[in-house]
Amino acid sequence: MTALRVETLDTTVEAPGDRFALWVEMAGRVSAPVAFTSDHAADFQGHTRMIDLGGIGLMRVNTYIQRAGGIRDRMGKHP
């Protein structure tokens, strides 16, 4: 039996000014392109655990995001 690949991201180990950008980059990489806003971007804190189930992934997310939405191109379609 093969062990599941588990990745974690804890932004508190990064400099406060870098955390939100790191989170946004990670979210866009592991899911569909997403845009986030947060009143706490200057001192953002987030933690996620991602498990690769071989074709699908499972994520547990702990953070405070005011708004998240899909990014659309000028034609209204996801890139």
Protein backbone atom coordinates (compact mmCIF):
# COMPACT_ATOMS: atom_id res chain seq x y z
CA MET A 1 0.00 0.00 0.00
CA THR A 2 1.33 3.42 -0.98
CA ALA A 3 1.29 6.20 1.59
CA LEU A 4 -0.84 9.22 0.73
CA ARG A 5 1.04 12.41 -0.16
CA VAL A 6 0.23 15.10 2.41
CA GLU A 7 1.29 18.74 2.10
CA THR A 8 0.79 21.49 4.65
CA LEU A 9 1.05 25.25 4.43
CA ASP A 10 1.28 27.33 7.60
CA THR A 11 1.68 31.01 6.75
CA THR A 12 2.73 31.95 10.29
CA VAL A 13 6.28 30.75 9.53
CA GLU A 14 6.55 33.43 6.80
CA ALA A 15 7.07 37.18 7.18
CA PRO A 16 3.68 38.89 7.78
CA GLY A 17 3.94 40.96 4.59
CA ASP A 18 4.49 37.83 2.46
CA ARG A 19 1.73 35.60 3.87
CA PHE A 20 -1.30 36.71 1.89
CA ALA A 21 0.46 36.60 -1.49
CA LEU A 22 1.77 33.12 -0.64
CA TRP A 23 -1.75 31.98 0.24
CA VAL A 24 -3.26 33.37 -2.97
CA GLU A 25 -0.53 31.71 -5.07
CA MET A 26 -1.08 28.36 -3.34
CA ALA A 27 -4.84 28.51 -3.76
CA GLY A 28 -4.56 29.25 -7.47
CA ARG A 29 -2.12 26.38 -7.92
CA VAL A 30 -4.15 23.67 -6.18
CA SER A 31 -7.63 24.68 -7.34
CA ALA A 32 -9.23 26.76 -10.04
CA PRO A 33 -7.95 30.34 -10.36
CA VAL A 34 -9.38 32.26 -7.41
CA ALA A 35 -9.28 35.89 -6.29
CA PHE A 36 -9.22 36.65 -2.55
CA THR A 37 -9.66 39.80 -0.49
CA SER A 38 -9.07 40.19 3.22
CA ASP A 39 -8.99 43.08 5.65
CA HIS A 40 -6.24 41.08 7.38
CA ALA A 41 -3.88 40.82 4.37
CA ALA A 42 -1.13 42.80 6.16
CA ASP A 43 -0.94 40.18 8.95
CA PHE A 44 -2.67 37.26 7.26
CA GLN A 45 -2.67 33.86 8.97
CA GLY A 46 -3.75 30.65 7.31
CA HIS A 47 -3.14 26.94 7.56
CA THR A 48 -4.09 24.23 5.11
CA ARG A 49 -3.53 20.51 4.83
CA MET A 50 -3.77 18.93 1.38
CA ILE A 51 -4.01 15.20 0.75
CA ASP A 52 -3.48 13.77 -2.74
CA LEU A 53 -5.90 10.90 -3.27
CA GLY A 54 -4.59 10.12 -6.75
CA GLY A 55 -6.71 12.07 -9.19
CA ILE A 56 -8.56 14.13 -6.62
CA GLY A 57 -7.39 16.14 -3.68
CA LEU A 58 -8.81 16.85 -0.26
CA MET A 59 -8.11 20.13 1.55
CA ARG A 60 -8.76 21.38 5.04
CA VAL A 61 -8.44 25.14 5.32
CA ASN A 62 -8.29 27.34 8.42
CA THR A 63 -8.17 31.08 7.73
CA TYR A 64 -10.19 34.25 7.61
CA ILE A 65 -11.05 35.40 4.08
CA GLN A 66 -13.72 38.04 3.49
CA ARG A 67 -14.32 37.20 -0.12
CA ALA A 68 -13.25 34.59 -2.65
CA GLY A 69 -14.42 34.21 -6.19
CA GLY A 70 -13.43 32.64 -9.46
CA ILE A 71 -11.39 34.66 -11.90
CA ARG A 72 -13.00 35.09 -15.31
CA ASP A 73 -11.54 36.35 -18.54
CA ARG A 74 -13.07 39.19 -20.54
CA MET A 75 -15.53 36.78 -22.18
CA GLY A 76 -16.84 35.66 -18.78
CA LYS A 77 -15.15 32.26 -18.93
CA HIS A 78 -12.71 30.73 -16.50
CA PRO A 79 -9.17 30.70 -17.93
